[in-house]
Amino acid sequence: MVNLPNREQQLLLRKAELFSRLKGIDIELLSHQSRDWEELAVEREADEVLEHLGEAGAKELRLIDMALDRMSDGSYGICIQCGERISAQRLDILPYTGVCRTCAGAG
């Protein structure tokens, strides 16, 4: 059985952490305006890494929002592909997952 209040709190805390991190990434990206060509090249490389981290964070936020929606409609912990229960161990590792281990491996 899934303990929804704890999972919901875990997801909401992670969501807040991600918002904070993404805000920091945005601020950092906007701060790079060097006029020196060498510094600009280094900043561009750093920007690519930051952009990748931002994209990954945004994807995780979408997954968290979908998990919170499933909690609201009562389908949290049920695989969206096969309808089987998602193991508590899998939810411990990936609390926002919408698929069981079997379906995740099939994709």
C-alpha atoms as a PDB file:
ATOM      1  CA  MET A   1       0.000   0.000   0.000  1.00  0.00           C
ATOM      2  CA  VAL A   2       1.319   3.438  -0.941  1.00  0.00           C
ATOM      3  CA  ASN A   3       1.518   6.031   1.846  1.00  0.00           C
ATOM      4  CA  LEU A   4       0.156   8.996  -0.131  1.00  0.00           C
ATOM      5  CA  PRO A   5       0.720  11.805   2.402  1.00  0.00           C
ATOM      6  CA  ASN A   6       4.427  10.935   2.655  1.00  0.00           C
ATOM      7  CA  ARG A   7       4.803  10.503  -1.108  1.00  0.00           C
ATOM      8  CA  GLU A   8       2.952  13.736  -1.775  1.00  0.00           C
ATOM      9  CA  GLN A   9       5.159  15.610   0.679  1.00  0.00           C
ATOM     10  CA  GLN A  10       8.261  14.052  -0.914  1.00  0.00           C
ATOM     11  CA  LEU A  11       7.121  15.136  -4.378  1.00  0.00           C
ATOM     12  CA  LEU A  12       6.210  18.653  -3.257  1.00  0.00           C
ATOM     13  CA  LEU A  13       9.612  19.095  -1.578  1.00  0.00           C
ATOM     14  CA  ARG A  14      11.402  17.879  -4.697  1.00  0.00           C
ATOM     15  CA  LYS A  15       9.279  20.230  -6.814  1.00  0.00           C
ATOM     16  CA  ALA A  16      10.306  23.193  -4.638  1.00  0.00           C
ATOM     17  CA  GLU A  17      13.976  22.163  -4.915  1.00  0.00           C
ATOM     18  CA  LEU A  18      13.699  21.969  -8.691  1.00  0.00           C
ATOM     19  CA  PHE A  19      12.012  25.372  -8.955  1.00  0.00           C
ATOM     20  CA  SER A  20      14.826  26.877  -6.906  1.00  0.00           C
ATOM     21  CA  ARG A  21      17.488  25.160  -9.004  1.00  0.00           C
ATOM     22  CA  LEU A  22      15.855  26.204 -12.283  1.00  0.00           C
ATOM     23  CA  LYS A  23      15.606  29.801 -11.089  1.00  0.00           C
ATOM     24  CA  GLY A  24      19.331  29.710 -10.281  1.00  0.00           C
ATOM     25  CA  ILE A  25      20.088  28.308 -13.727  1.00  0.00           C
ATOM     26  CA  ASP A  26      18.064  31.078 -15.373  1.00  0.00           C
ATOM     27  CA  ILE A  27      19.901  33.732 -13.366  1.00  0.00           C
ATOM     28  CA  GLU A  28      23.264  32.201 -14.246  1.00  0.00           C
ATOM     29  CA  LEU A  29      22.407  32.010 -17.953  1.00  0.00           C
ATOM     30  CA  LEU A  30      21.350  35.653 -17.992  1.00  0.00           C
ATOM     31  CA  SER A  31      24.552  36.741 -16.234  1.00  0.00           C
ATOM     32  CA  HIS A  32      26.880  35.517 -18.977  1.00  0.00           C
ATOM     33  CA  GLN A  33      27.641  38.531 -21.132  1.00  0.00           C
ATOM     34  CA  SER A  34      31.411  38.630 -21.383  1.00  0.00           C
ATOM     35  CA  ARG A  35      32.948  40.781 -24.094  1.00  0.00           C
ATOM     36  CA  ASP A  36      36.180  38.787 -24.150  1.00  0.00           C
ATOM     37  CA  TRP A  37      36.032  36.101 -26.883  1.00  0.00           C
ATOM     38  CA  GLU A  38      37.857  33.454 -24.862  1.00  0.00           C
ATOM     39  CA  GLU A  39      35.700  34.028 -21.803  1.00  0.00           C
ATOM     40  CA  LEU A  40      32.613  34.026 -24.004  1.00  0.00           C
ATOM     41  CA  ALA A  41      33.593  30.625 -25.448  1.00  0.00           C
ATOM     42  CA  VAL A  42      33.979  29.175 -21.946  1.00  0.00           C
ATOM     43  CA  GLU A  43      30.677  30.727 -20.886  1.00  0.00           C
ATOM     44  CA  ARG A  44      28.948  29.185 -23.923  1.00  0.00           C
ATOM     45  CA  GLU A  45      30.199  25.735 -22.929  1.00  0.00           C
ATOM     46  CA  ALA A  46      28.978  26.281 -19.384  1.00  0.00           C
ATOM     47  CA  ASP A  47      25.663  27.527 -20.749  1.00  0.00           C
ATOM     48  CA  GLU A  48      25.186  24.270 -22.677  1.00  0.00           C
ATOM     49  CA  VAL A  49      25.646  22.281 -19.473  1.00  0.00           C
ATOM     50  CA  LEU A  50      23.261  24.586 -17.604  1.00  0.00           C
ATOM     51  CA  GLU A  51      20.681  24.338 -20.374  1.00  0.00           C
ATOM     52  CA  HIS A  52      20.887  20.532 -20.264  1.00  0.00           C
ATOM     53  CA  LEU A  53      20.398  20.593 -16.483  1.00  0.00           C
ATOM     54  CA  GLY A  54      17.473  22.969 -16.936  1.00  0.00           C
ATOM     55  CA  GLU A  55      15.832  20.686 -19.495  1.00  0.00           C
ATOM     56  CA  ALA A  56      16.262  17.663 -17.211  1.00  0.00           C
ATOM     57  CA  GLY A  57      14.804  19.631 -14.292  1.00  0.00           C
ATOM     58  CA  ALA A  58      11.841  20.783 -16.359  1.00  0.00           C
ATOM     59  CA  LYS A  59      11.175  17.187 -17.441  1.00  0.00           C
ATOM     60  CA  GLU A  60      11.267  16.015 -13.813  1.00  0.00           C
ATOM     61  CA  LEU A  61       8.844  18.810 -12.863  1.00  0.00           C
ATOM     62  CA  ARG A  62       6.393  17.594 -15.512  1.00  0.00           C
ATOM     63  CA  LEU A  63       6.683  14.035 -14.184  1.00  0.00           C
ATOM     64  CA  ILE A  64       6.092  15.254 -10.619  1.00  0.00           C
ATOM     65  CA  ASP A  65       3.010  17.213 -11.694  1.00  0.00           C
ATOM     66  CA  MET A  66       1.628  14.133 -13.454  1.00  0.00           C
ATOM     67  CA  ALA A  67       2.258  12.030 -10.317  1.00  0.00           C
ATOM     68  CA  LEU A  68       0.469  14.619  -8.182  1.00  0.00           C
ATOM     69  CA  ASP A  69      -2.450  14.516 -10.638  1.00  0.00           C
ATOM     70  CA  ARG A  70      -2.557  10.707 -10.320  1.00  0.00           C
ATOM     71  CA  MET A  71      -2.633  11.113  -6.541  1.00  0.00           C
ATOM     72  CA  SER A  72      -5.613  13.444  -6.893  1.00  0.00           C
ATOM     73  CA  ASP A  73      -7.551  11.078  -9.124  1.00  0.00           C
ATOM     74  CA  GLY A  74      -6.660   7.946  -7.133  1.00  0.00           C
ATOM     75  CA  SER A  75      -4.550   6.243  -9.791  1.00  0.00           C
ATOM     76  CA  TYR A  76      -1.133   6.844  -8.194  1.00  0.00           C
ATOM     77  CA  GLY A  77       0.858   3.638  -7.831  1.00  0.00           C
ATOM     78  CA  ILE A  78      -0.955   1.962 -10.715  1.00  0.00           C
ATOM     79  CA  CYS A  79       0.944   1.476 -13.985  1.00  0.00           C
ATOM     80  CA  ILE A  80      -0.485   3.708 -16.703  1.00  0.00           C
ATOM     81  CA  GLN A  81       0.396   1.098 -19.343  1.00  0.00           C
ATOM     82  CA  CYS A  82      -0.677  -2.275 -17.940  1.00  0.00           C
ATOM     83  CA  GLY A  83      -2.792  -1.337 -14.916  1.00  0.00           C
ATOM     84  CA  GLU A  84      -0.734  -3.403 -12.474  1.00  0.00           C
ATOM     85  CA  ARG A  85       0.390  -2.043  -9.113  1.00  0.00           C
ATOM     86  CA  ILE A  86       3.824  -0.344  -9.108  1.00  0.00           C
ATOM     87  CA  SER A  87       6.037  -1.805  -6.387  1.00  0.00           C
ATOM     88  CA  ALA A  88       6.743   0.293  -3.302  1.00  0.00           C
ATOM     89  CA  GLN A  89      10.468  -0.232  -3.908  1.00  0.00           C
ATOM     90  CA  ARG A  90      10.186   1.346  -7.362  1.00  0.00           C
ATOM     91  CA  LEU A  91       8.168   4.250  -5.963  1.00  0.00           C
ATOM     92  CA  ASP A  92      10.818   4.701  -3.257  1.00  0.00           C
ATOM     93  CA  ILE A  93      13.407   5.257  -5.996  1.00  0.00           C
ATOM     94  CA  LEU A  94      11.206   7.052  -8.546  1.00  0.00           C
ATOM     95  CA  PRO A  95       8.218   8.499  -6.680  1.00  0.00           C
ATOM     96  CA  TYR A  96       6.991  10.224  -9.846  1.00  0.00           C
ATOM     97  CA  THR A  97       7.034   7.129 -12.054  1.00  0.00           C
ATOM     98  CA  GLY A  98       3.861   6.184 -13.836  1.00  0.00           C
ATOM     99  CA  VAL A  99       4.968   2.744 -15.037  1.00  0.00           C
ATOM    100  CA  CYS A 100       5.865  -0.528 -13.372  1.00  0.00           C
ATOM    101  CA  ARG A 101       9.291  -2.114 -13.750  1.00  0.00           C
ATOM    102  CA  THR A 102       8.087  -4.534 -16.437  1.00  0.00           C
ATOM    103  CA  CYS A 103       6.610  -1.803 -18.639  1.00  0.00           C
ATOM    104  CA  ALA A 104       9.610   0.478 -18.085  1.00  0.00           C
ATOM    105  CA  GLY A 105      11.890  -2.302 -19.338  1.00  0.00           C
ATOM    106  CA  ALA A 106       9.697  -2.949 -22.373  1.00  0.00           C
ATOM    107  CA  GLY A 107       9.941   0.665 -23.577  1.00  0.00           C
END
